[in-house]
N, C-alpha and C. Protein backbone atom coordinates (compact mmCIF):
# COMPACT_ATOMS: atom_id res chain seq x y z
N MET A 1 -34.73 -47.71 45.08
CA MET A 1 -33.55 -48.08 44.50
C MET A 1 -32.97 -46.98 43.53
N ALA A 2 -33.94 -46.21 42.90
CA ALA A 2 -33.45 -45.06 42.02
C ALA A 2 -32.80 -44.01 42.86
N ALA A 3 -33.29 -43.79 44.10
CA ALA A 3 -32.65 -42.74 44.91
C ALA A 3 -31.28 -43.18 45.45
N SER A 4 -31.07 -44.30 45.59
CA SER A 4 -29.76 -44.93 45.91
C SER A 4 -28.76 -44.80 44.78
N ASP A 5 -29.25 -45.07 43.64
CA ASP A 5 -28.49 -44.92 42.41
C ASP A 5 -28.14 -43.50 42.18
N ASN A 6 -29.03 -42.65 42.43
CA ASN A 6 -28.72 -41.19 42.33
C ASN A 6 -27.62 -40.66 43.26
N LYS A 7 -27.60 -41.19 44.49
CA LYS A 7 -26.60 -40.74 45.51
C LYS A 7 -25.37 -41.37 45.03
N LYS A 8 -25.26 -42.45 44.59
CA LYS A 8 -23.97 -43.13 44.12
C LYS A 8 -23.48 -42.33 42.98
N THR A 9 -24.22 -41.90 42.12
CA THR A 9 -23.80 -41.23 40.87
C THR A 9 -23.42 -39.80 41.39
N ALA A 10 -24.08 -39.12 42.12
CA ALA A 10 -23.67 -37.80 42.77
C ALA A 10 -22.44 -37.91 43.51
N LYS A 11 -22.22 -38.88 44.26
CA LYS A 11 -20.88 -39.13 44.95
C LYS A 11 -19.81 -39.31 43.98
N LYS A 12 -19.95 -40.13 42.95
CA LYS A 12 -18.93 -40.36 41.90
C LYS A 12 -18.68 -38.93 41.21
N LEU A 13 -19.75 -38.20 40.99
CA LEU A 13 -19.48 -36.92 40.19
C LEU A 13 -18.73 -36.02 41.10
N PHE A 14 -18.98 -35.99 42.47
CA PHE A 14 -18.38 -35.09 43.37
C PHE A 14 -16.94 -35.50 43.50
N VAL A 15 -16.65 -36.61 43.54
CA VAL A 15 -15.14 -37.19 43.54
C VAL A 15 -14.37 -36.73 42.26
N LEU A 16 -15.15 -36.97 41.11
CA LEU A 16 -14.52 -36.61 39.89
C LEU A 16 -14.32 -35.07 39.87
N VAL A 17 -15.06 -34.32 40.25
CA VAL A 17 -14.94 -32.73 40.26
C VAL A 17 -13.86 -32.44 41.16
N ALA A 18 -13.82 -33.01 42.34
CA ALA A 18 -12.76 -32.66 43.31
C ALA A 18 -11.43 -33.05 42.79
N GLY A 19 -11.38 -34.26 42.16
CA GLY A 19 -10.13 -34.69 41.61
C GLY A 19 -9.58 -33.76 40.41
N MET A 20 -10.51 -33.22 39.57
CA MET A 20 -10.15 -32.30 38.57
C MET A 20 -9.63 -31.03 39.19
N PHE A 21 -10.19 -30.63 40.23
CA PHE A 21 -9.88 -29.27 40.89
C PHE A 21 -8.42 -29.53 41.41
N VAL A 22 -8.20 -30.55 42.13
CA VAL A 22 -6.86 -30.74 42.65
C VAL A 22 -5.84 -31.01 41.49
N PHE A 23 -6.11 -31.67 40.41
CA PHE A 23 -5.21 -31.78 39.24
C PHE A 23 -4.94 -30.37 38.53
N ALA A 24 -5.92 -29.50 38.63
CA ALA A 24 -5.77 -28.19 37.96
C ALA A 24 -4.65 -27.32 38.82
N PHE A 25 -4.81 -27.42 40.10
CA PHE A 25 -3.82 -26.77 40.97
C PHE A 25 -2.39 -27.50 40.85
N ALA A 26 -2.34 -28.74 40.55
CA ALA A 26 -1.08 -29.34 40.50
C ALA A 26 -0.38 -29.20 39.20
N MET A 27 -1.07 -28.68 38.20
CA MET A 27 -0.52 -28.65 36.76
C MET A 27 0.72 -27.72 36.71
N VAL A 28 0.79 -26.52 37.52
CA VAL A 28 1.94 -25.59 37.36
C VAL A 28 3.14 -26.30 38.01
N PRO A 29 3.03 -26.80 39.21
CA PRO A 29 4.40 -27.53 39.69
C PRO A 29 4.64 -28.70 39.00
N LEU A 30 3.73 -29.36 38.28
CA LEU A 30 4.03 -30.45 37.43
C LEU A 30 4.80 -30.02 36.25
N TYR A 31 4.31 -28.90 35.53
CA TYR A 31 4.87 -28.36 34.50
C TYR A 31 6.30 -27.94 34.69
N ASN A 32 6.44 -27.22 35.78
CA ASN A 32 7.77 -26.75 36.15
C ASN A 32 8.77 -28.03 36.37
N LEU A 33 8.37 -29.07 36.98
CA LEU A 33 9.14 -30.17 37.22
C LEU A 33 9.52 -30.89 35.82
N VAL A 34 8.57 -30.94 34.95
CA VAL A 34 8.83 -31.50 33.58
C VAL A 34 9.90 -30.67 32.94
N CYS A 35 9.68 -29.43 32.92
CA CYS A 35 10.73 -28.51 32.22
C CYS A 35 11.96 -28.65 32.90
N GLU A 36 12.05 -28.70 34.20
CA GLU A 36 13.29 -28.88 34.83
C GLU A 36 14.01 -29.96 34.42
N VAL A 37 13.35 -31.18 34.47
CA VAL A 37 13.96 -32.52 34.19
C VAL A 37 14.33 -32.60 32.73
N THR A 38 13.49 -32.09 31.75
CA THR A 38 13.65 -32.24 30.36
C THR A 38 14.37 -31.14 29.72
N GLY A 39 14.61 -29.92 30.31
CA GLY A 39 15.22 -28.80 29.95
C GLY A 39 14.33 -28.09 28.82
N LEU A 40 13.04 -28.31 28.71
CA LEU A 40 12.26 -27.73 27.67
C LEU A 40 11.99 -26.26 27.86
N LYS A 41 12.04 -25.71 29.05
CA LYS A 41 11.85 -24.34 29.20
C LYS A 41 13.12 -23.52 29.16
N GLY A 42 14.19 -24.18 29.10
CA GLY A 42 15.53 -23.64 29.26
C GLY A 42 15.99 -23.66 30.64
N SER A 43 17.33 -23.33 30.69
CA SER A 43 17.95 -23.46 32.04
C SER A 43 17.63 -22.23 32.89
N ASP A 44 17.39 -22.32 34.15
CA ASP A 44 17.15 -21.41 35.08
C ASP A 44 18.15 -21.51 36.13
N ASN A 45 19.17 -20.87 36.15
CA ASN A 45 20.31 -20.94 37.14
C ASN A 45 20.49 -19.58 37.85
N ARG A 46 19.43 -19.29 38.60
CA ARG A 46 19.43 -17.93 39.31
C ARG A 46 20.45 -17.78 40.38
N ALA A 47 20.95 -19.07 40.86
CA ALA A 47 21.89 -18.95 41.87
C ALA A 47 23.36 -18.62 41.39
N GLY A 48 23.57 -18.58 40.12
CA GLY A 48 24.69 -18.21 39.49
C GLY A 48 25.64 -19.38 39.03
N LEU A 49 26.95 -19.14 38.84
CA LEU A 49 27.81 -20.09 38.40
C LEU A 49 28.14 -21.28 39.29
N PRO A 50 28.38 -22.37 38.80
CA PRO A 50 28.85 -23.52 39.72
C PRO A 50 30.26 -23.16 40.25
N ILE A 51 30.48 -23.71 41.31
CA ILE A 51 31.78 -23.52 41.93
C ILE A 51 32.97 -24.03 41.04
N ASN A 52 34.01 -23.24 40.89
CA ASN A 52 35.11 -23.63 40.19
C ASN A 52 34.71 -23.81 38.68
N GLN A 53 34.01 -22.91 38.07
CA GLN A 53 33.60 -23.02 36.71
C GLN A 53 34.89 -22.60 35.83
N ASP A 54 35.36 -23.34 34.93
CA ASP A 54 36.49 -23.07 34.26
C ASP A 54 35.95 -22.51 32.88
N ILE A 55 36.79 -21.77 32.09
CA ILE A 55 36.49 -21.27 30.76
C ILE A 55 37.26 -22.05 29.77
N ASP A 56 36.64 -22.65 28.91
CA ASP A 56 37.39 -23.50 27.86
C ASP A 56 37.72 -22.50 26.65
N THR A 57 38.88 -21.98 26.66
CA THR A 57 39.29 -21.06 25.66
C THR A 57 39.77 -21.71 24.46
N THR A 58 39.66 -23.03 24.34
CA THR A 58 40.07 -23.69 23.07
C THR A 58 38.91 -23.68 22.17
N ARG A 59 37.70 -23.43 22.60
CA ARG A 59 36.49 -23.54 21.74
C ARG A 59 35.70 -22.14 21.84
N LYS A 60 34.83 -22.00 20.74
CA LYS A 60 33.88 -21.00 20.73
C LYS A 60 32.54 -21.41 20.41
N ILE A 61 31.55 -20.97 21.00
CA ILE A 61 30.24 -21.27 20.66
C ILE A 61 29.62 -20.01 20.07
N LEU A 62 28.92 -20.13 18.86
CA LEU A 62 28.15 -18.93 18.45
C LEU A 62 26.71 -19.04 19.02
N VAL A 63 26.28 -17.97 19.67
CA VAL A 63 24.96 -17.84 20.21
C VAL A 63 24.22 -16.80 19.48
N GLU A 64 23.09 -17.37 18.89
CA GLU A 64 22.29 -16.39 18.14
C GLU A 64 21.10 -16.03 18.98
N PHE A 65 20.47 -14.86 18.87
CA PHE A 65 19.40 -14.31 19.58
C PHE A 65 18.37 -13.81 18.79
N ASP A 66 17.06 -14.16 19.19
CA ASP A 66 15.98 -13.48 18.56
C ASP A 66 14.79 -13.29 19.43
N GLY A 67 13.95 -12.51 19.04
CA GLY A 67 12.75 -12.10 20.01
C GLY A 67 11.42 -12.20 18.99
N ILE A 68 10.47 -12.88 19.59
CA ILE A 68 9.13 -12.90 18.90
C ILE A 68 8.06 -12.39 19.85
N VAL A 69 7.14 -11.76 19.41
CA VAL A 69 6.04 -11.08 20.11
C VAL A 69 4.76 -11.83 19.67
N ASN A 70 4.07 -12.47 20.65
CA ASN A 70 2.68 -13.12 20.30
C ASN A 70 1.90 -12.00 19.70
N SER A 71 0.85 -12.41 18.89
CA SER A 71 0.17 -11.41 18.05
C SER A 71 -0.81 -10.51 18.97
N ASN A 72 -1.20 -11.07 20.19
CA ASN A 72 -2.09 -10.29 20.89
C ASN A 72 -1.40 -9.40 21.93
N LEU A 73 -0.05 -9.13 21.73
CA LEU A 73 0.63 -8.32 22.69
C LEU A 73 1.23 -7.08 21.86
N PRO A 74 0.88 -5.94 22.19
CA PRO A 74 1.22 -4.74 21.46
C PRO A 74 2.59 -4.27 21.72
N TRP A 75 3.60 -5.05 21.51
CA TRP A 75 4.91 -4.77 21.91
C TRP A 75 5.91 -4.93 20.73
N GLU A 76 6.84 -4.16 20.68
CA GLU A 76 8.13 -4.32 19.87
C GLU A 76 9.19 -5.10 20.74
N PHE A 77 9.90 -5.96 20.30
CA PHE A 77 10.84 -6.74 21.08
C PHE A 77 11.91 -7.30 20.25
N GLU A 78 13.25 -6.94 20.48
CA GLU A 78 14.37 -7.47 19.82
C GLU A 78 15.55 -7.39 20.59
N PRO A 79 16.50 -8.30 20.16
CA PRO A 79 17.79 -8.21 20.90
C PRO A 79 18.71 -7.05 20.38
N SER A 80 19.52 -6.61 21.35
CA SER A 80 20.42 -5.51 20.96
C SER A 80 21.57 -6.07 20.06
N THR A 81 21.85 -7.31 20.22
CA THR A 81 22.84 -8.16 19.51
C THR A 81 22.27 -9.35 18.94
N ARG A 82 22.50 -9.59 17.73
CA ARG A 82 21.86 -10.77 17.00
C ARG A 82 22.62 -12.03 17.14
N GLN A 83 24.04 -11.93 17.41
CA GLN A 83 24.78 -13.11 17.68
C GLN A 83 26.05 -12.65 18.36
N LEU A 84 26.60 -13.68 19.27
CA LEU A 84 27.83 -13.35 20.01
C LEU A 84 28.59 -14.74 20.10
N GLU A 85 29.85 -14.63 20.01
CA GLU A 85 30.68 -15.84 20.09
C GLU A 85 31.22 -15.81 21.57
N VAL A 86 31.12 -17.00 22.20
CA VAL A 86 31.51 -17.06 23.71
C VAL A 86 32.35 -18.33 23.79
N HIS A 87 33.18 -18.40 24.76
CA HIS A 87 33.85 -19.50 25.18
C HIS A 87 33.04 -20.32 26.17
N PRO A 88 32.90 -21.63 26.19
CA PRO A 88 32.09 -22.28 27.09
C PRO A 88 32.68 -22.00 28.54
N GLY A 89 31.72 -21.66 29.40
CA GLY A 89 32.14 -21.25 30.87
C GLY A 89 32.26 -19.76 31.04
N GLU A 90 32.37 -19.01 29.90
CA GLU A 90 32.53 -17.51 29.90
C GLU A 90 31.17 -16.92 30.16
N VAL A 91 31.05 -15.98 31.14
CA VAL A 91 29.84 -15.27 31.34
C VAL A 91 29.69 -14.14 30.29
N ALA A 92 28.52 -14.03 29.80
CA ALA A 92 28.29 -12.98 28.83
C ALA A 92 27.03 -12.25 29.13
N ASN A 93 26.89 -11.19 28.57
CA ASN A 93 25.62 -10.28 28.79
C ASN A 93 25.15 -9.66 27.43
N VAL A 94 23.69 -9.73 27.36
CA VAL A 94 23.04 -9.25 26.15
C VAL A 94 21.85 -8.53 26.67
N ASN A 95 21.42 -7.61 26.01
CA ASN A 95 20.19 -6.81 26.36
C ASN A 95 19.15 -7.06 25.27
N TYR A 96 17.78 -7.04 25.59
CA TYR A 96 16.84 -7.08 24.59
C TYR A 96 16.10 -5.72 24.79
N PHE A 97 15.63 -5.07 23.75
CA PHE A 97 14.99 -3.82 23.76
C PHE A 97 13.45 -3.94 23.50
N VAL A 98 12.65 -3.42 24.35
CA VAL A 98 11.22 -3.72 24.32
C VAL A 98 10.41 -2.39 24.30
N THR A 99 9.31 -2.23 23.62
CA THR A 99 8.50 -1.01 23.69
C THR A 99 7.12 -1.36 23.65
N ASN A 100 6.33 -0.85 24.65
CA ASN A 100 4.88 -1.10 24.61
C ASN A 100 4.24 0.00 23.71
N LEU A 101 3.49 -0.52 22.71
CA LEU A 101 2.94 0.33 21.71
C LEU A 101 1.43 0.71 21.91
N ALA A 102 1.07 0.12 23.10
CA ALA A 102 -0.39 0.42 23.53
C ALA A 102 -0.57 1.76 24.26
N ASP A 103 -1.82 2.04 24.23
CA ASP A 103 -2.13 3.37 25.10
C ASP A 103 -2.40 3.03 26.58
N LYS A 104 -2.17 1.84 27.05
CA LYS A 104 -2.28 1.44 28.42
C LYS A 104 -1.17 0.56 28.85
N ALA A 105 -1.02 0.36 30.07
CA ALA A 105 -0.02 -0.61 30.73
C ALA A 105 -0.33 -1.96 30.26
N VAL A 106 0.63 -2.76 30.07
CA VAL A 106 0.52 -4.16 29.52
C VAL A 106 1.50 -5.05 30.31
N THR A 107 1.12 -6.17 30.69
CA THR A 107 2.01 -7.12 31.20
C THR A 107 2.24 -8.34 30.43
N GLY A 108 3.49 -8.66 30.24
CA GLY A 108 3.95 -9.80 29.44
C GLY A 108 4.80 -10.68 30.14
N GLN A 109 5.02 -11.88 29.61
CA GLN A 109 6.05 -12.86 30.10
C GLN A 109 6.80 -13.49 28.89
N ALA A 110 8.16 -13.53 29.00
CA ALA A 110 8.95 -14.05 27.97
C ALA A 110 9.12 -15.61 28.21
N ILE A 111 8.88 -16.34 27.18
CA ILE A 111 9.11 -17.77 27.23
C ILE A 111 10.35 -18.10 26.43
N PRO A 112 11.47 -18.65 26.98
CA PRO A 112 12.58 -18.94 26.21
C PRO A 112 12.60 -20.41 25.65
N SER A 113 13.31 -20.51 24.55
CA SER A 113 13.57 -21.84 23.95
C SER A 113 14.94 -21.76 23.35
N VAL A 114 15.61 -22.86 23.33
CA VAL A 114 16.95 -23.06 22.73
C VAL A 114 17.05 -23.94 21.60
N ILE A 115 17.59 -23.71 20.61
CA ILE A 115 17.66 -24.63 19.37
C ILE A 115 19.16 -24.84 19.13
N PRO A 116 19.57 -26.09 19.03
CA PRO A 116 18.69 -27.31 19.17
C PRO A 116 18.19 -27.59 20.58
N TRP A 117 17.11 -28.29 20.58
CA TRP A 117 16.34 -28.36 21.93
C TRP A 117 17.25 -29.06 23.01
N PHE A 118 18.07 -29.95 22.61
CA PHE A 118 18.81 -30.78 23.52
C PHE A 118 20.20 -29.82 24.09
N GLY A 119 20.30 -28.57 23.38
CA GLY A 119 21.36 -27.63 23.72
C GLY A 119 20.86 -26.75 24.96
N SER A 120 19.64 -26.95 25.30
CA SER A 120 19.01 -26.11 26.48
C SER A 120 19.71 -26.52 27.74
N GLN A 121 20.01 -27.70 27.89
CA GLN A 121 20.58 -28.15 29.20
C GLN A 121 22.08 -27.46 29.31
N TYR A 122 22.70 -27.06 28.27
CA TYR A 122 24.04 -26.38 28.42
C TYR A 122 23.97 -24.97 28.43
N PHE A 123 22.78 -24.29 28.15
CA PHE A 123 22.64 -22.86 28.19
C PHE A 123 22.06 -22.51 29.47
N LYS A 124 22.96 -21.79 30.30
CA LYS A 124 22.66 -21.52 31.77
C LYS A 124 22.40 -19.96 31.85
N LYS A 125 21.16 -19.62 32.19
CA LYS A 125 20.75 -18.12 32.54
C LYS A 125 21.12 -17.90 33.88
N ILE A 126 21.85 -16.84 34.20
CA ILE A 126 22.21 -16.37 35.59
C ILE A 126 21.27 -15.34 35.97
N ALA A 127 20.88 -14.41 35.13
CA ALA A 127 19.91 -13.44 35.32
C ALA A 127 19.24 -13.10 34.00
N CYS A 128 17.86 -13.04 34.04
CA CYS A 128 17.05 -13.02 32.86
C CYS A 128 15.81 -12.32 33.20
N PHE A 129 15.37 -11.47 32.26
CA PHE A 129 13.96 -10.90 32.28
C PHE A 129 12.89 -11.97 32.17
N CYS A 130 13.19 -13.00 31.67
CA CYS A 130 12.23 -14.12 31.56
C CYS A 130 11.94 -14.90 32.91
N PHE A 131 12.72 -14.50 33.89
CA PHE A 131 12.38 -15.17 35.22
C PHE A 131 11.07 -14.55 35.80
N ASP A 132 10.74 -13.27 35.47
CA ASP A 132 9.57 -12.59 36.03
C ASP A 132 8.62 -11.90 35.04
N LYS A 133 7.41 -11.61 35.27
CA LYS A 133 6.52 -10.94 34.49
C LYS A 133 7.11 -9.55 34.29
N GLN A 134 6.80 -8.96 33.15
CA GLN A 134 7.22 -7.63 32.80
C GLN A 134 6.03 -6.75 32.55
N LYS A 135 6.00 -5.58 33.36
CA LYS A 135 4.90 -4.70 32.98
C LYS A 135 5.41 -3.37 32.55
N LEU A 136 4.88 -3.03 31.37
CA LEU A 136 5.40 -1.71 30.70
C LEU A 136 4.07 -0.84 30.70
N GLU A 137 4.38 0.41 31.05
CA GLU A 137 3.29 1.44 30.99
C GLU A 137 3.10 1.78 29.63
N ALA A 138 2.06 2.60 29.30
CA ALA A 138 1.78 2.99 27.87
C ALA A 138 3.01 3.61 27.24
N HIS A 139 3.42 3.16 26.06
CA HIS A 139 4.39 3.71 25.32
C HIS A 139 5.75 3.72 26.04
N GLU A 140 5.86 2.93 27.09
CA GLU A 140 7.27 2.76 27.81
C GLU A 140 8.18 1.83 27.00
N SER A 141 9.52 2.21 27.11
CA SER A 141 10.48 1.29 26.47
C SER A 141 11.41 0.92 27.64
N ALA A 142 12.09 -0.12 27.58
CA ALA A 142 13.06 -0.66 28.44
C ALA A 142 14.18 -1.61 27.83
N ASP A 143 15.23 -1.57 28.45
CA ASP A 143 16.33 -2.58 28.17
C ASP A 143 16.11 -3.67 29.09
N MET A 144 16.09 -4.94 28.57
CA MET A 144 15.92 -6.23 29.52
C MET A 144 17.20 -6.95 29.37
N PRO A 145 17.97 -7.05 30.51
CA PRO A 145 19.26 -7.74 30.51
C PRO A 145 19.16 -9.26 30.64
N LEU A 146 20.07 -10.04 29.87
CA LEU A 146 20.24 -11.39 30.02
C LEU A 146 21.72 -11.53 30.33
N ARG A 147 22.03 -12.46 31.47
CA ARG A 147 23.40 -12.82 31.89
C ARG A 147 23.38 -14.31 31.79
N PHE A 148 24.29 -14.89 31.02
CA PHE A 148 24.27 -16.42 30.75
C PHE A 148 25.73 -16.82 30.56
N TYR A 149 25.91 -18.12 30.45
CA TYR A 149 27.08 -18.77 29.98
C TYR A 149 26.69 -20.10 29.46
N VAL A 150 27.51 -20.65 28.65
CA VAL A 150 27.30 -21.96 28.03
C VAL A 150 28.15 -23.03 28.88
N SER A 151 27.61 -24.07 29.27
CA SER A 151 28.32 -25.00 30.12
C SER A 151 29.60 -25.63 29.38
N THR A 152 30.74 -25.78 29.97
CA THR A 152 31.92 -26.40 29.44
C THR A 152 31.51 -27.87 29.09
N GLU A 153 30.42 -28.38 29.47
CA GLU A 153 30.05 -29.77 29.22
C GLU A 153 29.32 -29.89 27.83
N ILE A 154 29.18 -28.93 27.17
CA ILE A 154 28.42 -28.78 25.76
C ILE A 154 29.29 -29.75 24.92
N PRO A 155 28.57 -30.68 24.25
CA PRO A 155 29.30 -31.63 23.37
C PRO A 155 30.08 -30.93 22.26
N LYS A 156 31.16 -31.51 21.79
CA LYS A 156 32.04 -30.87 20.76
C LYS A 156 31.34 -30.65 19.44
N ASP A 157 30.27 -31.43 19.13
CA ASP A 157 29.68 -31.20 17.82
C ASP A 157 28.62 -30.07 17.82
N ILE A 158 28.35 -29.38 18.83
CA ILE A 158 27.46 -28.29 18.98
C ILE A 158 28.32 -27.05 18.99
N SER A 159 28.27 -26.39 17.76
CA SER A 159 28.97 -25.19 17.70
C SER A 159 28.15 -23.79 17.64
N THR A 160 26.81 -23.97 17.58
CA THR A 160 25.87 -22.92 17.51
C THR A 160 24.63 -23.23 18.39
N LEU A 161 24.20 -22.21 19.18
CA LEU A 161 22.92 -22.29 19.90
C LEU A 161 22.19 -21.07 19.58
N ARG A 162 20.81 -21.29 19.31
CA ARG A 162 20.00 -20.19 19.14
C ARG A 162 18.94 -19.96 20.27
N LEU A 163 18.99 -18.87 20.93
CA LEU A 163 18.17 -18.52 22.02
C LEU A 163 16.95 -17.68 21.43
N SER A 164 15.77 -18.22 21.54
CA SER A 164 14.51 -17.48 21.09
C SER A 164 13.57 -17.17 22.28
N TYR A 165 13.16 -15.98 22.42
CA TYR A 165 12.14 -15.72 23.31
C TYR A 165 10.89 -15.32 22.65
N THR A 166 9.78 -15.81 23.11
CA THR A 166 8.46 -15.37 22.65
C THR A 166 7.77 -14.68 23.87
N PHE A 167 7.46 -13.54 23.65
CA PHE A 167 6.75 -12.65 24.65
C PHE A 167 5.26 -12.86 24.62
N MET A 168 4.52 -13.26 25.68
CA MET A 168 3.17 -13.60 25.69
C MET A 168 2.45 -12.47 26.51
N ASN A 169 1.21 -12.11 26.06
CA ASN A 169 0.45 -11.26 26.87
C ASN A 169 -0.13 -11.97 28.11
N LEU A 170 -0.04 -11.45 29.21
CA LEU A 170 -0.64 -12.11 30.49
C LEU A 170 -1.92 -11.62 30.79
N GLU A 171 -2.47 -10.60 30.09
CA GLU A 171 -3.77 -9.93 30.45
C GLU A 171 -4.80 -10.67 29.54
N LYS A 172 -6.06 -10.69 29.98
CA LYS A 172 -7.23 -11.20 29.21
C LYS A 172 -7.37 -10.05 28.18
N THR A 173 -7.63 -10.61 26.90
CA THR A 173 -7.86 -9.80 25.85
C THR A 173 -9.26 -10.14 25.30
N GLY A 174 -9.81 -9.31 24.48
CA GLY A 174 -11.28 -9.60 23.91
C GLY A 174 -11.97 -8.31 23.79
N SER A 175 -13.17 -8.51 23.35
CA SER A 175 -14.03 -7.32 23.18
C SER A 175 -15.00 -6.94 24.41
C-alpha cells in the first residue's frame, strides 16, 4: 500500500512540476498581453500612424521626458529635451543620450511608463529605442531616437503627459 501511495505522490509531483514549467514559459506572452490590453507598458505602434490621422491644431499637449538608470547599470541616460509641446496627432521626435561608464560592453533595456497611467493609451510610439535591447561597448555613447504622437482621442482634461524610461541591466551581476 505504501508503494502505491508513493507512486501517486510522485505522479502528482511530476504533474505539478510540469505545470510550473509550462506556466513559466507562458509568463512572457501573458505579460505582453496584459500590457497591451491595459496599456501598462506604454503604447507600441511600430506600424506607424493610423490611416487618415488628423492633427488637432486647436490643442497642445505638454510632453515631459525623463530618464532613470537602475542602480546596477553603469550608464548615464537623459533626454536631449526635457519637455515639448505637441498638437494631438502631430508626429514629434526626441533623442535620449546614453553613455556606458563601464570598462566593458553592457546590454540594457528601457522600460517606458506614462504619467498619468491612463494617458499611456494615447501616447503612441512609432519608433523607439525601447523596442529593442541596447548594447553599448565600453565607454561608448549614443543618441537614441524616439518618434511618437499623442492620439487625437486624448481627453480634453489631459494637458500634460510625462514619459519616463527606466533603463535596466540585462546582464547577470554579482561577485
